[in-house]
Protein backbone atom coordinates (compact mmCIF):
# COMPACT_ATOMS: atom_id res chain seq x y z
CA MET A 1 22.73 0.78 38.05
CA PHE A 2 19.05 1.51 38.69
CA GLN A 3 19.35 4.93 37.05
CA MET A 4 20.99 3.37 33.97
CA GLN A 5 18.21 0.80 33.65
CA SER A 6 15.58 3.53 34.04
CA LEU A 7 17.25 5.61 31.33
CA ILE A 8 17.37 2.64 28.95
CA PHE A 9 13.71 1.90 29.67
CA LEU A 10 12.69 5.51 29.00
CA ASN A 11 14.63 5.54 25.73
CA LEU A 12 12.88 2.35 24.62
CA VAL A 13 9.49 3.84 25.52
CA LEU A 14 10.34 6.99 23.52
CA ILE A 15 11.44 4.96 20.48
CA LEU A 16 8.28 2.84 20.60
CA PHE A 17 6.10 5.94 20.98
CA LEU A 18 7.73 7.70 18.04
CA SER A 19 7.52 4.56 15.94
CA ALA A 20 3.81 4.25 16.69
CA CYS A 21 3.19 7.85 15.64
CA ASP A 22 5.53 7.74 12.66
CA PRO A 23 3.47 7.62 9.42
CA VAL A 24 6.39 6.63 7.16
CA LYS A 25 6.86 2.94 6.35
CA LYS A 26 10.52 2.20 6.92
CA SER A 27 10.25 -0.79 4.57
CA THR A 28 10.10 1.73 1.68
CA LEU A 29 13.40 3.32 2.74
CA SER A 30 16.98 2.15 2.98
CA THR A 31 19.48 3.63 5.41
CA SER A 32 22.16 5.81 3.85
CA PRO A 33 25.62 4.18 3.98
CA GLU A 34 27.22 7.53 4.81
CA ASN A 35 28.59 7.97 8.32
CA SER A 36 28.26 11.74 8.14
CA TYR A 37 26.45 14.05 5.76
CA LYS A 38 25.37 17.61 5.20
CA ALA A 39 21.76 18.11 4.18
CA PRO A 40 21.18 20.59 1.35
CA ALA A 41 19.15 23.69 2.13
CA TRP A 42 15.53 23.42 1.07
CA ASN A 43 12.33 25.32 1.66
CA SER A 44 8.64 25.22 0.80
CA PRO A 45 7.82 26.59 -2.68
CA PHE A 46 5.60 29.10 -0.85
CA LEU A 47 8.53 30.78 0.87
CA LYS A 48 11.16 33.18 -0.49
CA ASP A 49 9.76 35.00 -3.53
CA PHE A 50 6.20 33.65 -3.47
CA GLU A 51 3.44 36.28 -3.48
CA LYS A 52 0.27 34.64 -4.81
CA ALA A 53 -0.90 31.90 -7.19
CA LEU A 54 -4.07 30.59 -8.79
CA PHE A 55 -4.89 26.86 -8.77
CA ARG A 56 -7.48 24.46 -10.08
CA THR A 57 -8.38 22.67 -6.87
CA SER A 58 -10.24 19.59 -5.66
CA LEU A 59 -11.02 18.42 -2.14
CA ASP A 60 -12.22 14.95 -1.20
CA VAL A 61 -13.00 14.32 2.45
CA ALA A 62 -15.49 11.87 3.91
CA ASP A 63 -18.45 11.95 1.45
CA LYS A 64 -17.70 15.48 0.18
CA HIS A 65 -16.21 16.20 -3.24
CA LEU A 66 -15.51 19.87 -3.94
CA THR A 67 -13.92 21.31 -7.06
CA GLY A 68 -13.17 24.81 -8.23
CA ILE A 69 -10.53 27.51 -8.21
CA SER A 70 -8.38 28.60 -5.28
CA ILE A 71 -6.10 31.54 -4.64
CA ILE A 72 -3.23 31.36 -2.17
CA LYS A 73 -1.73 34.71 -1.26
CA ARG A 74 1.12 35.49 1.09
CA THR A 75 -0.09 38.25 3.39
CA SER A 76 2.95 38.57 5.67
CA ASP A 77 6.09 36.71 6.72
CA SER A 78 3.93 34.62 9.04
CA SER A 79 0.59 34.24 7.26
CA PHE A 80 -1.14 33.16 4.04
CA HIS A 81 -4.68 33.74 2.80
CA PHE A 82 -6.52 30.79 1.24
CA THR A 83 -9.72 31.26 -0.80
CA PHE A 84 -11.44 28.33 -2.51
CA ALA A 85 -14.67 28.66 -4.52
CA ASN A 86 -16.46 26.76 -7.27
CA GLU A 87 -16.84 27.94 -10.87
CA ILE A 88 -20.13 29.73 -10.20
CA GLY A 89 -18.69 31.70 -7.30
CA MET A 90 -19.88 29.74 -4.24
CA THR A 91 -17.19 30.00 -1.58
CA TYR A 92 -15.96 26.91 0.27
CA PHE A 93 -13.06 28.42 2.22
CA ASP A 94 -11.92 31.94 2.99
CA MET A 95 -9.35 31.80 5.76
CA GLU A 96 -6.06 33.15 7.04
CA ILE A 97 -3.41 30.53 7.85
CA PHE A 98 -0.69 31.02 10.46
CA ARG A 99 1.98 28.61 11.65
CA ASN A 100 0.08 27.65 14.81
CA LYS A 101 -3.47 28.91 14.23
CA TYR A 102 -6.03 29.91 11.63
CA LYS A 103 -8.61 32.67 11.25
CA PRO A 104 -11.76 31.63 9.36
CA ASP A 105 -13.56 34.41 7.49
CA TYR A 106 -15.99 31.94 5.92
CA ILE A 107 -16.23 28.14 5.82
CA PHE A 108 -18.79 26.17 3.82
CA ASP A 109 -21.20 24.83 6.46
CA PRO A 110 -21.01 21.08 5.63
CA ILE A 111 -17.24 21.13 6.30
CA ASN A 112 -17.23 23.73 9.07
CA LYS A 113 -16.04 21.31 11.73
CA LYS A 114 -13.49 22.55 14.25
CA SER A 115 -11.61 19.23 14.42
CA PHE A 116 -11.30 19.06 10.62
CA LEU A 117 -10.22 22.70 10.31
CA LYS A 118 -7.55 22.22 12.97
CA ILE A 119 -6.08 19.30 11.03
CA LEU A 120 -6.26 21.32 7.81
CA GLN A 121 -4.46 24.23 9.49
CA ARG A 122 -1.68 21.89 10.57
CA ASP A 123 -1.44 20.55 7.00
CA PHE A 124 -1.17 24.06 5.60
CA ALA A 125 1.44 25.02 8.19
CA ILE A 126 3.64 22.19 6.93
CA LEU A 127 2.94 23.13 3.30
CA PHE A 128 3.59 26.87 3.71
CA PHE A 129 6.22 27.22 6.42
CA SER A 130 8.55 24.19 6.22
CA GLU A 131 12.23 24.91 5.56
CA SER A 132 15.60 23.48 6.49
CA PRO A 133 18.01 26.41 7.20
CA GLY A 134 19.29 26.15 10.77
CA LYS A 135 17.88 22.65 11.25
CA GLN A 136 19.98 19.48 11.31
CA PRO A 137 18.36 16.16 10.34
CA LEU A 138 18.70 13.16 12.62
CA ARG A 139 18.71 10.52 9.88
CA LYS A 140 19.30 10.19 6.16
CA TYR A 141 17.58 7.54 4.05
CA LEU A 142 17.24 6.66 0.39
CA GLN A 143 13.81 6.06 -1.14
CA LYS A 144 13.68 2.60 -2.66
CA GLY A 145 12.90 2.74 -6.34
CA SER A 146 13.29 6.47 -6.99
CA GLY A 147 16.63 6.93 -5.20
CA GLU A 148 15.43 10.22 -3.72
CA VAL A 149 17.15 11.32 -0.53
CA VAL A 150 14.96 11.42 2.59
CA TYR A 151 15.87 13.40 5.70
CA LEU A 152 14.26 12.93 9.10
CA TYR A 153 14.01 16.03 11.30
CA LEU A 154 12.89 14.45 14.54
CA GLY A 155 12.49 17.69 16.48
CA LEU A 156 10.13 18.97 13.79
CA LYS A 157 8.42 15.57 13.39
CA LEU A 158 9.04 15.96 9.69
CA TYR A 159 10.49 13.99 6.77
CA ALA A 160 11.69 15.76 3.63
CA TRP A 161 12.17 14.10 0.22
CA MET A 162 14.74 15.65 -2.12
CA ASP A 163 15.47 15.08 -5.78
CA THR A 164 19.19 15.75 -5.61
CA LYS A 165 19.60 15.79 -9.40
CA GLN A 166 17.13 18.65 -9.79
CA ASN A 167 17.75 20.03 -6.28
CA THR A 168 14.01 20.19 -5.62
CA LEU A 169 11.79 19.32 -2.68
CA THR A 170 9.45 16.53 -3.79
CA GLY A 171 7.69 15.56 -0.59
CA LEU A 172 7.04 16.25 3.07
CA VAL A 173 5.56 14.00 5.71
CA GLY A 174 4.78 15.49 9.09
CA TRP A 175 2.82 14.61 12.19
CA SER A 176 2.10 15.74 15.72
CA ASN A 177 0.07 12.59 16.39
CA TYR A 178 -1.26 9.73 14.29
CA VAL A 179 -4.59 11.46 13.65
CA ASP A 180 -3.10 14.46 11.85
CA ALA A 181 -0.31 12.75 9.92
CA VAL A 182 -0.02 14.48 6.56
CA ILE A 183 1.69 13.62 3.26
CA VAL A 184 2.51 16.48 0.89
CA SER A 185 3.87 15.87 -2.61
CA PHE A 186 5.28 18.34 -5.15
CA LYS A 187 5.40 17.32 -8.82
CA GLU A 188 6.47 18.66 -12.22
CA TYR A 189 8.50 21.70 -11.25
CA ASP A 190 8.60 24.51 -13.80
CA HIS A 191 10.70 27.63 -13.14
CA GLY A 192 11.07 26.69 -9.49
CA PHE A 193 7.39 26.03 -8.71
CA PRO A 194 5.49 22.70 -8.81
CA ASN A 195 2.62 22.24 -11.26
CA GLU A 196 0.88 19.84 -8.88
CA ILE A 197 0.68 19.85 -5.09
CA ARG A 198 -1.19 17.14 -3.25
CA ILE A 199 -2.02 16.91 0.45
CA VAL A 200 -3.18 13.56 1.83
CA ASN A 201 -4.44 12.80 5.33
CA PRO A 202 -4.75 8.98 5.42
CA LYS A 203 -6.51 8.84 8.78
CA ILE A 204 -9.40 11.12 7.80
CA LYS A 205 -9.25 10.06 4.13
CA MET A 206 -8.70 13.57 2.82
CA ILE A 207 -7.09 14.42 -0.51
CA LEU A 208 -6.55 18.06 -1.44
CA THR A 209 -5.03 18.69 -4.87
CA PHE A 210 -3.74 21.94 -6.36
CA ASN A 211 -2.93 22.23 -10.06
CA PHE A 212 -1.05 25.45 -10.79
CA LEU A 213 -2.72 27.88 -13.23
CA GLY A 214 -0.58 31.00 -12.85
CA HIS A 215 0.81 33.70 -10.59
């Protein structure tokens, strides 16, 4: 009896902890009426056939507003290179991104803060490496208003939004704790790649926007 009560208590603590860290407002979602479902396969637009792309880019964080051109290049199955500079050639970022770490070649001094770069690396890891094959979601929801399907992958601490009519990934929300919760949106797909990608970190008030210019 005592063990059963302890187990129930631990489950409640876990649910409350996950709810506290969860950045998605459940009031914007409705639970799917299906008793069972099979999630469609999806992956980040930066996986599969992606090699490199050029973007018009803007970054707003704290009191900094940076604009310019960025290049994202896939350098291996487990890494991407990100370069961001303004129109006159001053570099803001030149860094290698891995799933669980980053290698900075150059960072603009006013934003060269280890805590910020660690959050940014986590954001990029979600953007570049997220995919569904081999992973089973715990929950299925419907987005109120748009009707998009939303899958919760609890083990990954990740939500994925799908436009089932177009069979495209339209959003990702991931977190490891409340501080680094990240919202990624993909808009206006053309030939399988989004024309706009936006990364938002509500806690640190960061908005990073990529507008696709070409491969």
